[in-house]
Amino acid sequence: MITILGPTASGKTSVAARLAAEIGGEIISADSRQVYRRMDIGTGKDLADYTLEIKHETLNIPYHLIDICEPGTKYNLYQYQQDFYEAYQHIQSRGAVPILCGGTGLYIEAVLKGYQLSPVPQNPELRARLEGKSLDELTQMLVALKQQNGSNMHNTTDVDSAQRAIRAIEIEEYNLHTPMPKRELPPIDSLIIGVNIDRELRREKITRRLKARLEEGMVDEVQSLLNEGIPAEDLIYYGLEYKYVTEYLTGKTTYDEMFRGLEIAIHQFAKRQMTWFRGMERRGFTIHWIDATLPMEEKVAKILEMTK
């Protein structure tokens, strides 16, 4: 498998599509929001990138894990792992090359390493019992449960809010009373390519792209989701474009406040993506960085050279 990662606005999708055209590849998206249908402009699906004109021939590059669930639902890492592995096996069975492409570092790392996760349903009775308890009380309960289960506190993010502490208790309770073999998915061996874009150029592209998306009808897209009956808080949950545009449409902010706040938030998001990728390198992944400003032919040639 080949993995192509990079921050938002680095042009990784067009690189992946062009590479797929060269080697008979199919793309598996690693984007936590492009899974949702009718959330196209705000998530930057750029589906036109998967249609290429090469030597007067139109080529449609197959893609996976885009438009697979309804807005308003909450897709998660466990589900992504299962869906990824299914797509990965199907692509291999057809003799094509899987190309994982995206910017959600957690999703990429989870499938490359073969994280072991188990799905834990919500427990409304337990949640009702825990409602109103202080963060200290919840933390003590969680520590006791983890001792019973022989599991460790991963870090303080387990209990940085009452909501997260309750979810962590819910998971420990479930594992205590419902011993379930975790579905093991094997780690995947992959050549990892990073598309590296200069910070100033990235900032410039983010601002230009945000303006273009607003002109393409991003506000109308969010309004139509609200008109469908999807609650505003569910759209805000998806963050970035959906959070800021929903707040504007529900009268919490002005258009200018929405634009300025969203622009800053996307810049911060891109910075966090790069922090995650650098962290992957510290955790033992080798990422081969290529310059985003190189001509497309040169970028693809460099990747092909690395596959030999």
C-alpha atoms as a PDB file:
ATOM      1  CA  MET A   1       0.000   0.000   0.000  1.00  0.00           C
ATOM      2  CA  ILE A   2       1.018   3.602  -0.530  1.00  0.00           C
ATOM      3  CA  THR A   3      -0.088   6.286   1.934  1.00  0.00           C
ATOM      4  CA  ILE A   4      -0.224   9.938   0.937  1.00  0.00           C
ATOM      5  CA  LEU A   5      -0.724  12.365   3.790  1.00  0.00           C
ATOM      6  CA  GLY A   6      -0.372  16.083   4.329  1.00  0.00           C
ATOM      7  CA  PRO A   7      -2.088  19.072   5.886  1.00  0.00           C
ATOM      8  CA  THR A   8      -5.206  20.659   4.450  1.00  0.00           C
ATOM      9  CA  ALA A   9      -4.553  22.605   1.199  1.00  0.00           C
ATOM     10  CA  SER A  10      -1.363  20.667   0.417  1.00  0.00           C
ATOM     11  CA  GLY A  11      -2.841  19.119  -2.757  1.00  0.00           C
ATOM     12  CA  LYS A  12      -2.495  15.502  -1.579  1.00  0.00           C
ATOM     13  CA  THR A  13      -5.709  14.260  -3.244  1.00  0.00           C
ATOM     14  CA  SER A  14      -4.662  15.319  -6.743  1.00  0.00           C
ATOM     15  CA  VAL A  15      -1.247  13.661  -6.182  1.00  0.00           C
ATOM     16  CA  ALA A  16      -2.956  10.440  -5.047  1.00  0.00           C
ATOM     17  CA  ALA A  17      -5.323  10.459  -8.038  1.00  0.00           C
ATOM     18  CA  ARG A  18      -2.520  11.012 -10.542  1.00  0.00           C
ATOM     19  CA  LEU A  19      -0.430   8.269  -8.914  1.00  0.00           C
ATOM     20  CA  ALA A  20      -3.437   5.913  -9.011  1.00  0.00           C
ATOM     21  CA  ALA A  21      -3.767   6.571 -12.753  1.00  0.00           C
ATOM     22  CA  GLU A  22      -0.114   5.572 -13.248  1.00  0.00           C
ATOM     23  CA  ILE A  23      -0.118   2.358 -11.207  1.00  0.00           C
ATOM     24  CA  GLY A  24      -3.701   1.056 -11.390  1.00  0.00           C
ATOM     25  CA  GLY A  25      -4.541   2.260  -7.901  1.00  0.00           C
ATOM     26  CA  GLU A  26      -7.742   2.894  -5.963  1.00  0.00           C
ATOM     27  CA  ILE A  27      -7.957   5.532  -3.258  1.00  0.00           C
ATOM     28  CA  ILE A  28      -9.122   4.923   0.304  1.00  0.00           C
ATOM     29  CA  SER A  29      -9.966   8.228   1.958  1.00  0.00           C
ATOM     30  CA  ALA A  30      -8.558   8.934   5.417  1.00  0.00           C
ATOM     31  CA  ASP A  31     -10.766  11.897   6.255  1.00  0.00           C
ATOM     32  CA  SER A  32     -13.052  11.833   9.275  1.00  0.00           C
ATOM     33  CA  ARG A  33     -15.674  14.151   7.716  1.00  0.00           C
ATOM     34  CA  GLN A  34     -15.773  13.138   4.053  1.00  0.00           C
ATOM     35  CA  VAL A  35     -17.642  10.003   5.123  1.00  0.00           C
ATOM     36  CA  TYR A  36     -20.834  12.122   5.386  1.00  0.00           C
ATOM     37  CA  ARG A  37     -23.194  12.491   2.436  1.00  0.00           C
ATOM     38  CA  ARG A  38     -24.284  15.976   1.319  1.00  0.00           C
ATOM     39  CA  MET A  39     -21.410  17.539   3.273  1.00  0.00           C
ATOM     40  CA  ASP A  40     -19.371  18.190   0.141  1.00  0.00           C
ATOM     41  CA  ILE A  41     -18.101  21.764  -0.012  1.00  0.00           C
ATOM     42  CA  GLY A  42     -17.341  22.133   3.701  1.00  0.00           C
ATOM     43  CA  THR A  43     -15.373  18.873   3.884  1.00  0.00           C
ATOM     44  CA  GLY A  44     -13.480  19.653   0.675  1.00  0.00           C
ATOM     45  CA  LYS A  45     -14.322  16.419  -1.124  1.00  0.00           C
ATOM     46  CA  ASP A  46     -13.151  17.934  -4.419  1.00  0.00           C
ATOM     47  CA  LEU A  47     -14.573  14.913  -6.248  1.00  0.00           C
ATOM     48  CA  ALA A  48     -13.459  16.432  -9.562  1.00  0.00           C
ATOM     49  CA  ASP A  49      -9.892  15.518  -8.521  1.00  0.00           C
ATOM     50  CA  TYR A  50     -10.758  11.847  -9.130  1.00  0.00           C
ATOM     51  CA  THR A  51     -11.543  12.477 -12.821  1.00  0.00           C
ATOM     52  CA  LEU A  52      -8.430  12.911 -14.934  1.00  0.00           C
ATOM     53  CA  GLU A  53      -7.854  13.743 -18.587  1.00  0.00           C
ATOM     54  CA  ILE A  54      -4.795  11.779 -19.697  1.00  0.00           C
ATOM     55  CA  LYS A  55      -3.781  11.563 -23.379  1.00  0.00           C
ATOM     56  CA  HIS A  56      -7.258  12.661 -24.501  1.00  0.00           C
ATOM     57  CA  GLU A  57      -8.809   9.958 -22.361  1.00  0.00           C
ATOM     58  CA  THR A  58     -11.085  10.508 -19.353  1.00  0.00           C
ATOM     59  CA  LEU A  59     -10.110   8.361 -16.412  1.00  0.00           C
ATOM     60  CA  ASN A  60     -12.283   7.979 -13.302  1.00  0.00           C
ATOM     61  CA  ILE A  61     -10.196   6.920 -10.315  1.00  0.00           C
ATOM     62  CA  PRO A  62     -12.149   4.648  -7.933  1.00  0.00           C
ATOM     63  CA  TYR A  63     -12.405   5.979  -4.366  1.00  0.00           C
ATOM     64  CA  HIS A  64     -13.668   4.495  -1.102  1.00  0.00           C
ATOM     65  CA  LEU A  65     -14.983   5.683   2.299  1.00  0.00           C
ATOM     66  CA  ILE A  66     -16.496   8.892   0.955  1.00  0.00           C
ATOM     67  CA  ASP A  67     -20.280   9.431   1.226  1.00  0.00           C
ATOM     68  CA  ILE A  68     -20.901   6.321   3.332  1.00  0.00           C
ATOM     69  CA  CYS A  69     -23.077   7.682   6.167  1.00  0.00           C
ATOM     70  CA  GLU A  70     -25.764  10.233   6.897  1.00  0.00           C
ATOM     71  CA  PRO A  71     -25.161  13.690   8.385  1.00  0.00           C
ATOM     72  CA  GLY A  72     -26.215  13.862  12.034  1.00  0.00           C
ATOM     73  CA  THR A  73     -24.636  10.488  12.847  1.00  0.00           C
ATOM     74  CA  LYS A  74     -21.312  10.193  14.653  1.00  0.00           C
ATOM     75  CA  TYR A  75     -18.813   8.081  12.723  1.00  0.00           C
ATOM     76  CA  ASN A  76     -15.899   6.823  14.821  1.00  0.00           C
ATOM     77  CA  LEU A  77     -12.409   5.341  14.667  1.00  0.00           C
ATOM     78  CA  TYR A  78     -13.573   1.765  15.321  1.00  0.00           C
ATOM     79  CA  GLN A  79     -16.021   1.956  12.403  1.00  0.00           C
ATOM     80  CA  TYR A  80     -13.346   3.491  10.194  1.00  0.00           C
ATOM     81  CA  GLN A  81     -10.963   0.618  10.912  1.00  0.00           C
ATOM     82  CA  GLN A  82     -13.567  -1.962   9.911  1.00  0.00           C
ATOM     83  CA  ASP A  83     -14.560  -0.045   6.758  1.00  0.00           C
ATOM     84  CA  PHE A  84     -10.933   0.562   5.786  1.00  0.00           C
ATOM     85  CA  TYR A  85      -9.978  -3.080   6.100  1.00  0.00           C
ATOM     86  CA  GLU A  86     -12.955  -4.214   4.043  1.00  0.00           C
ATOM     87  CA  ALA A  87     -12.101  -1.719   1.257  1.00  0.00           C
ATOM     88  CA  TYR A  88      -8.404  -2.640   1.458  1.00  0.00           C
ATOM     89  CA  GLN A  89      -9.143  -6.358   0.983  1.00  0.00           C
ATOM     90  CA  HIS A  90     -11.559  -5.711  -1.908  1.00  0.00           C
ATOM     91  CA  ILE A  91      -8.997  -3.551  -3.719  1.00  0.00           C
ATOM     92  CA  GLN A  92      -6.279  -6.173  -3.271  1.00  0.00           C
ATOM     93  CA  SER A  93      -8.601  -8.962  -4.430  1.00  0.00           C
ATOM     94  CA  ARG A  94      -9.041  -7.074  -7.725  1.00  0.00           C
ATOM     95  CA  GLY A  95      -5.281  -6.824  -8.185  1.00  0.00           C
ATOM     96  CA  ALA A  96      -5.332  -3.030  -7.781  1.00  0.00           C
ATOM     97  CA  VAL A  97      -3.015  -1.014  -5.526  1.00  0.00           C
ATOM     98  CA  PRO A  98      -4.603   0.527  -2.400  1.00  0.00           C
ATOM     99  CA  ILE A  99      -3.617   4.186  -1.887  1.00  0.00           C
ATOM    100  CA  LEU A 100      -4.576   5.614   1.496  1.00  0.00           C
ATOM    101  CA  CYS A 101      -4.944   9.381   1.229  1.00  0.00           C
ATOM    102  CA  GLY A 102      -6.014  11.986   3.763  1.00  0.00           C
ATOM    103  CA  GLY A 103      -5.208  14.318   6.591  1.00  0.00           C
ATOM    104  CA  THR A 104      -6.803  12.639   9.630  1.00  0.00           C
ATOM    105  CA  GLY A 105      -3.609  11.444  11.299  1.00  0.00           C
ATOM    106  CA  LEU A 106      -5.364   9.315  13.918  1.00  0.00           C
ATOM    107  CA  TYR A 107      -7.221   7.329  11.239  1.00  0.00           C
ATOM    108  CA  ILE A 108      -4.028   6.814   9.235  1.00  0.00           C
ATOM    109  CA  GLU A 109      -2.002   5.718  12.251  1.00  0.00           C
ATOM    110  CA  ALA A 110      -4.763   3.411  13.533  1.00  0.00           C
ATOM    111  CA  VAL A 111      -4.928   1.388  10.321  1.00  0.00           C
ATOM    112  CA  LEU A 112      -1.173   1.313   9.691  1.00  0.00           C
ATOM    113  CA  LYS A 113      -0.465   0.123  13.231  1.00  0.00           C
ATOM    114  CA  GLY A 114      -3.539  -2.113  13.523  1.00  0.00           C
ATOM    115  CA  TYR A 115      -4.925  -0.505  16.692  1.00  0.00           C
ATOM    116  CA  GLN A 116      -7.082  -2.908  18.704  1.00  0.00           C
ATOM    117  CA  LEU A 117     -10.431  -1.295  19.445  1.00  0.00           C
ATOM    118  CA  SER A 118     -13.801  -2.592  20.533  1.00  0.00           C
ATOM    119  CA  PRO A 119     -17.182  -0.889  20.054  1.00  0.00           C
ATOM    120  CA  VAL A 120     -18.891   0.111  23.292  1.00  0.00           C
ATOM    121  CA  PRO A 121     -22.566   1.170  23.136  1.00  0.00           C
ATOM    122  CA  GLN A 122     -23.939   3.990  25.261  1.00  0.00           C
ATOM    123  CA  ASN A 123     -25.518   2.984  28.576  1.00  0.00           C
ATOM    124  CA  PRO A 124     -28.381   5.417  29.321  1.00  0.00           C
ATOM    125  CA  GLU A 125     -29.016   3.938  32.824  1.00  0.00           C
ATOM    126  CA  LEU A 126     -25.388   4.367  33.828  1.00  0.00           C
ATOM    127  CA  ARG A 127     -25.305   7.911  32.406  1.00  0.00           C
ATOM    128  CA  ALA A 128     -28.414   8.830  34.408  1.00  0.00           C
ATOM    129  CA  ARG A 129     -26.772   7.455  37.593  1.00  0.00           C
ATOM    130  CA  LEU A 130     -23.588   9.444  37.013  1.00  0.00           C
ATOM    131  CA  GLU A 131     -25.272  12.717  36.108  1.00  0.00           C
ATOM    132  CA  GLY A 132     -24.508  15.428  38.623  1.00  0.00           C
ATOM    133  CA  LYS A 133     -21.405  13.779  40.050  1.00  0.00           C
ATOM    134  CA  SER A 134     -18.311  15.960  40.293  1.00  0.00           C
ATOM    135  CA  LEU A 135     -15.249  15.423  38.117  1.00  0.00           C
ATOM    136  CA  ASP A 136     -13.311  14.270  41.212  1.00  0.00           C
ATOM    137  CA  GLU A 137     -15.940  11.638  42.051  1.00  0.00           C
ATOM    138  CA  LEU A 138     -16.004  10.415  38.453  1.00  0.00           C
ATOM    139  CA  THR A 139     -12.206  10.227  38.346  1.00  0.00           C
ATOM    140  CA  GLN A 140     -12.123   8.111  41.529  1.00  0.00           C
ATOM    141  CA  MET A 141     -14.741   5.736  40.063  1.00  0.00           C
ATOM    142  CA  LEU A 142     -12.775   5.460  36.832  1.00  0.00           C
ATOM    143  CA  VAL A 143      -9.493   4.698  38.610  1.00  0.00           C
ATOM    144  CA  ALA A 144     -11.214   1.952  40.668  1.00  0.00           C
ATOM    145  CA  LEU A 145     -12.780   0.396  37.551  1.00  0.00           C
ATOM    146  CA  LYS A 146      -9.491   0.479  35.656  1.00  0.00           C
ATOM    147  CA  GLN A 147      -7.809  -1.307  38.575  1.00  0.00           C
ATOM    148  CA  GLN A 148     -10.514  -3.999  38.426  1.00  0.00           C
ATOM    149  CA  ASN A 149     -10.030  -4.383  34.689  1.00  0.00           C
ATOM    150  CA  GLY A 150      -6.257  -4.185  34.877  1.00  0.00           C
ATOM    151  CA  SER A 151      -6.234  -1.332  32.364  1.00  0.00           C
ATOM    152  CA  ASN A 152      -4.195   1.861  32.611  1.00  0.00           C
ATOM    153  CA  MET A 153      -5.172   5.507  32.586  1.00  0.00           C
ATOM    154  CA  HIS A 154      -3.913   6.502  29.132  1.00  0.00           C
ATOM    155  CA  ASN A 155      -3.384  10.103  30.142  1.00  0.00           C
ATOM    156  CA  THR A 156      -5.244  12.972  31.768  1.00  0.00           C
ATOM    157  CA  THR A 157      -7.466  13.394  28.700  1.00  0.00           C
ATOM    158  CA  ASP A 158      -9.467  10.439  30.065  1.00  0.00           C
ATOM    159  CA  VAL A 159     -10.823  12.836  32.680  1.00  0.00           C
ATOM    160  CA  ASP A 160     -10.386  16.371  31.361  1.00  0.00           C
ATOM    161  CA  SER A 161     -14.164  16.859  31.511  1.00  0.00           C
ATOM    162  CA  ALA A 162     -17.109  15.160  33.207  1.00  0.00           C
ATOM    163  CA  GLN A 163     -18.435  14.083  29.776  1.00  0.00           C
ATOM    164  CA  ARG A 164     -15.193  12.313  28.867  1.00  0.00           C
ATOM    165  CA  ALA A 165     -14.912  10.757  32.334  1.00  0.00           C
ATOM    166  CA  ILE A 166     -18.458   9.353  32.036  1.00  0.00           C
ATOM    167  CA  ARG A 167     -17.651   7.882  28.604  1.00  0.00           C
ATOM    168  CA  ALA A 168     -14.456   6.322  30.013  1.00  0.00           C
ATOM    169  CA  ILE A 169     -16.445   4.808  32.930  1.00  0.00           C
ATOM    170  CA  GLU A 170     -19.004   3.496  30.420  1.00  0.00           C
ATOM    171  CA  ILE A 171     -16.221   1.721  28.479  1.00  0.00           C
ATOM    172  CA  GLU A 172     -14.669   0.206  31.630  1.00  0.00           C
ATOM    173  CA  GLU A 173     -18.084  -0.972  32.913  1.00  0.00           C
ATOM    174  CA  TYR A 174     -18.827  -2.573  29.552  1.00  0.00           C
ATOM    175  CA  ASN A 175     -15.452  -4.331  29.425  1.00  0.00           C
ATOM    176  CA  LEU A 176     -15.894  -5.526  33.025  1.00  0.00           C
ATOM    177  CA  HIS A 177     -19.289  -7.140  32.440  1.00  0.00           C
ATOM    178  CA  THR A 178     -19.014  -7.996  28.738  1.00  0.00           C
ATOM    179  CA  PRO A 179     -15.649  -9.599  28.120  1.00  0.00           C
ATOM    180  CA  MET A 180     -15.289  -9.470  24.354  1.00  0.00           C
ATOM    181  CA  PRO A 181     -12.297 -10.490  22.294  1.00  0.00           C
ATOM    182  CA  LYS A 182     -11.107  -7.365  20.531  1.00  0.00           C
ATOM    183  CA  ARG A 183     -11.168  -7.747  16.793  1.00  0.00           C
ATOM    184  CA  GLU A 184      -7.538  -7.797  15.765  1.00  0.00           C
ATOM    185  CA  LEU A 185      -6.680  -6.162  12.494  1.00  0.00           C
ATOM    186  CA  PRO A 186      -3.126  -6.633  11.242  1.00  0.00           C
ATOM    187  CA  PRO A 187      -0.757  -3.694  10.849  1.00  0.00           C
ATOM    188  CA  ILE A 188      -0.383  -2.641   7.210  1.00  0.00           C
ATOM    189  CA  ASP A 189       3.008  -2.231   5.592  1.00  0.00           C
ATOM    190  CA  SER A 190       2.982   0.996   3.590  1.00  0.00           C
ATOM    191  CA  LEU A 191       5.263   3.429   1.841  1.00  0.00           C
ATOM    192  CA  ILE A 192       4.310   6.784   3.401  1.00  0.00           C
ATOM    193  CA  ILE A 193       4.588   9.957   1.345  1.00  0.00           C
ATOM    194  CA  GLY A 194       4.070  13.360   2.957  1.00  0.00           C
ATOM    195  CA  VAL A 195       3.162  16.376   0.821  1.00  0.00           C
ATOM    196  CA  ASN A 196       5.091  19.240   2.392  1.00  0.00           C
ATOM    197  CA  ILE A 197       3.838  22.781   1.857  1.00  0.00           C
ATOM    198  CA  ASP A 198       5.564  25.928   3.094  1.00  0.00           C
ATOM    199  CA  ARG A 199       3.655  27.509   6.009  1.00  0.00           C
ATOM    200  CA  GLU A 200       3.116  30.882   4.307  1.00  0.00           C
ATOM    201  CA  LEU A 201       1.972  29.267   1.052  1.00  0.00           C
ATOM    202  CA  ARG A 202      -0.327  26.974   3.039  1.00  0.00           C
ATOM    203  CA  ARG A 203      -1.891  29.971   4.812  1.00  0.00           C
ATOM    204  CA  GLU A 204      -2.388  31.771   1.510  1.00  0.00           C
ATOM    205  CA  LYS A 205      -4.001  28.685  -0.102  1.00  0.00           C
ATOM    206  CA  ILE A 206      -6.294  28.130   2.914  1.00  0.00           C
ATOM    207  CA  THR A 207      -7.612  31.715   2.715  1.00  0.00           C
ATOM    208  CA  ARG A 208      -8.070  31.537  -1.063  1.00  0.00           C
ATOM    209  CA  ARG A 209      -9.820  28.180  -0.823  1.00  0.00           C
ATOM    210  CA  LEU A 210     -12.129  29.348   1.966  1.00  0.00           C
ATOM    211  CA  LYS A 211     -13.258  32.311  -0.153  1.00  0.00           C
ATOM    212  CA  ALA A 212     -13.825  29.995  -3.124  1.00  0.00           C
ATOM    213  CA  ARG A 213     -15.880  27.542  -1.067  1.00  0.00           C
ATOM    214  CA  LEU A 214     -18.085  30.316   0.245  1.00  0.00           C
ATOM    215  CA  GLU A 215     -18.624  31.492  -3.346  1.00  0.00           C
ATOM    216  CA  GLU A 216     -19.442  27.887  -4.368  1.00  0.00           C
ATOM    217  CA  GLY A 217     -22.342  27.802  -1.885  1.00  0.00           C
ATOM    218  CA  MET A 218     -20.978  26.455   1.399  1.00  0.00           C
ATOM    219  CA  VAL A 219     -23.469  28.522   3.421  1.00  0.00           C
ATOM    220  CA  ASP A 220     -26.346  27.133   1.315  1.00  0.00           C
ATOM    221  CA  GLU A 221     -25.014  23.602   1.875  1.00  0.00           C
ATOM    222  CA  VAL A 222     -25.151  24.025   5.660  1.00  0.00           C
ATOM    223  CA  GLN A 223     -28.561  25.701   5.452  1.00  0.00           C
ATOM    224  CA  SER A 224     -29.956  22.758   3.478  1.00  0.00           C
ATOM    225  CA  LEU A 225     -28.699  20.351   6.180  1.00  0.00           C
ATOM    226  CA  LEU A 226     -30.461  22.435   8.828  1.00  0.00           C
ATOM    227  CA  ASN A 227     -33.597  22.450   6.625  1.00  0.00           C
ATOM    228  CA  GLU A 228     -33.466  18.633   6.564  1.00  0.00           C
ATOM    229  CA  GLY A 229     -33.960  18.718  10.313  1.00  0.00           C
ATOM    230  CA  ILE A 230     -30.382  17.972  11.362  1.00  0.00           C
ATOM    231  CA  PRO A 231     -29.965  19.705  14.752  1.00  0.00           C
ATOM    232  CA  ALA A 232     -27.580  22.682  14.828  1.00  0.00           C
ATOM    233  CA  GLU A 233     -25.590  21.079  17.665  1.00  0.00           C
ATOM    234  CA  ASP A 234     -24.933  17.999  15.496  1.00  0.00           C
ATOM    235  CA  LEU A 235     -23.479  20.176  12.728  1.00  0.00           C
ATOM    236  CA  ILE A 236     -21.450  22.181  15.257  1.00  0.00           C
ATOM    237  CA  TYR A 237     -20.029  18.840  16.505  1.00  0.00           C
ATOM    238  CA  TYR A 238     -18.369  18.326  13.085  1.00  0.00           C
ATOM    239  CA  GLY A 239     -16.245  21.425  13.709  1.00  0.00           C
ATOM    240  CA  LEU A 240     -14.554  23.932  11.419  1.00  0.00           C
ATOM    241  CA  GLU A 241     -16.789  24.936   8.448  1.00  0.00           C
ATOM    242  CA  TYR A 242     -19.926  23.311   9.880  1.00  0.00           C
ATOM    243  CA  LYS A 243     -19.427  24.835  13.330  1.00  0.00           C
ATOM    244  CA  TYR A 244     -18.749  28.395  12.153  1.00  0.00           C
ATOM    245  CA  VAL A 245     -21.330  28.489   9.344  1.00  0.00           C
ATOM    246  CA  THR A 246     -24.027  26.986  11.614  1.00  0.00           C
ATOM    247  CA  GLU A 247     -23.302  29.608  14.276  1.00  0.00           C
ATOM    248  CA  TYR A 248     -23.649  32.298  11.596  1.00  0.00           C
ATOM    249  CA  LEU A 249     -26.913  30.840  10.269  1.00  0.00           C
ATOM    250  CA  THR A 250     -28.399  30.557  13.768  1.00  0.00           C
ATOM    251  CA  GLY A 251     -27.600  34.227  14.450  1.00  0.00           C
ATOM    252  CA  LYS A 252     -24.761  33.732  16.931  1.00  0.00           C
ATOM    253  CA  THR A 253     -22.210  35.545  14.749  1.00  0.00           C
ATOM    254  CA  THR A 254     -22.075  37.948  11.822  1.00  0.00           C
ATOM    255  CA  TYR A 255     -20.787  36.892   8.387  1.00  0.00           C
ATOM    256  CA  ASP A 256     -17.480  38.723   8.941  1.00  0.00           C
ATOM    257  CA  GLU A 257     -17.015  37.133  12.390  1.00  0.00           C
ATOM    258  CA  MET A 258     -17.751  33.723  10.866  1.00  0.00           C
ATOM    259  CA  PHE A 259     -15.182  34.241   8.094  1.00  0.00           C
ATOM    260  CA  ARG A 260     -12.429  35.532  10.398  1.00  0.00           C
ATOM    261  CA  GLY A 261     -13.023  32.858  13.054  1.00  0.00           C
ATOM    262  CA  LEU A 262     -13.137  30.048  10.497  1.00  0.00           C
ATOM    263  CA  GLU A 263     -10.006  31.225   8.708  1.00  0.00           C
ATOM    264  CA  ILE A 264      -8.044  31.216  12.005  1.00  0.00           C
ATOM    265  CA  ALA A 265      -9.497  27.813  12.978  1.00  0.00           C
ATOM    266  CA  ILE A 266      -8.431  26.203   9.663  1.00  0.00           C
ATOM    267  CA  HIS A 267      -4.894  27.616  10.028  1.00  0.00           C
ATOM    268  CA  GLN A 268      -4.731  26.133  13.552  1.00  0.00           C
ATOM    269  CA  PHE A 269      -6.130  22.819  12.284  1.00  0.00           C
ATOM    270  CA  ALA A 270      -3.415  22.566   9.587  1.00  0.00           C
ATOM    271  CA  LYS A 271      -0.781  23.239  12.236  1.00  0.00           C
ATOM    272  CA  ARG A 272      -2.206  20.440  14.429  1.00  0.00           C
ATOM    273  CA  GLN A 273      -2.151  18.062  11.452  1.00  0.00           C
ATOM    274  CA  MET A 274       1.563  18.741  10.941  1.00  0.00           C
ATOM    275  CA  THR A 275       2.183  18.254  14.678  1.00  0.00           C
ATOM    276  CA  TRP A 276       0.494  14.826  14.436  1.00  0.00           C
ATOM    277  CA  PHE A 277       2.575  13.811  11.390  1.00  0.00           C
ATOM    278  CA  ARG A 278       5.794  14.874  13.133  1.00  0.00           C
ATOM    279  CA  GLY A 279       4.625  12.809  16.113  1.00  0.00           C
ATOM    280  CA  MET A 280       4.169   9.794  13.823  1.00  0.00           C
ATOM    281  CA  GLU A 281       7.813  10.159  12.798  1.00  0.00           C
ATOM    282  CA  ARG A 282       8.856  10.167  16.466  1.00  0.00           C
ATOM    283  CA  ARG A 283       6.717   7.044  16.972  1.00  0.00           C
ATOM    284  CA  GLY A 284       8.718   5.149  14.363  1.00  0.00           C
ATOM    285  CA  PHE A 285       7.002   5.886  11.030  1.00  0.00           C
ATOM    286  CA  THR A 286       9.194   6.902   8.090  1.00  0.00           C
ATOM    287  CA  ILE A 287       7.520   9.660   6.088  1.00  0.00           C
ATOM    288  CA  HIS A 288       9.133  10.586   2.766  1.00  0.00           C
ATOM    289  CA  TRP A 289       8.360  14.286   2.293  1.00  0.00           C
ATOM    290  CA  ILE A 290       7.995  15.771  -1.181  1.00  0.00           C
ATOM    291  CA  ASP A 291       7.611  19.451  -2.028  1.00  0.00           C
ATOM    292  CA  ALA A 292       4.030  20.466  -2.815  1.00  0.00           C
ATOM    293  CA  THR A 293       5.227  23.106  -5.304  1.00  0.00           C
ATOM    294  CA  LEU A 294       6.947  20.616  -7.635  1.00  0.00           C
ATOM    295  CA  PRO A 295       5.230  19.971 -10.994  1.00  0.00           C
ATOM    296  CA  MET A 296       2.803  17.033 -10.771  1.00  0.00           C
ATOM    297  CA  GLU A 297       4.887  14.849 -13.127  1.00  0.00           C
ATOM    298  CA  GLU A 298       7.923  15.325 -10.893  1.00  0.00           C
ATOM    299  CA  LYS A 299       6.007  14.484  -7.703  1.00  0.00           C
ATOM    300  CA  VAL A 300       4.624  11.284  -9.227  1.00  0.00           C
ATOM    301  CA  ALA A 301       8.029  10.333 -10.656  1.00  0.00           C
ATOM    302  CA  LYS A 302       9.624  10.725  -7.211  1.00  0.00           C
ATOM    303  CA  ILE A 303       6.980   8.450  -5.638  1.00  0.00           C
ATOM    304  CA  LEU A 304       7.336   5.850  -8.399  1.00  0.00           C
ATOM    305  CA  GLU A 305      11.108   5.854  -7.848  1.00  0.00           C
ATOM    306  CA  MET A 306      10.532   5.081  -4.143  1.00  0.00           C
ATOM    307  CA  THR A 307       8.273   2.118  -4.964  1.00  0.00           C
ATOM    308  CA  LYS A 308      11.042   0.315  -6.869  1.00  0.00           C
END
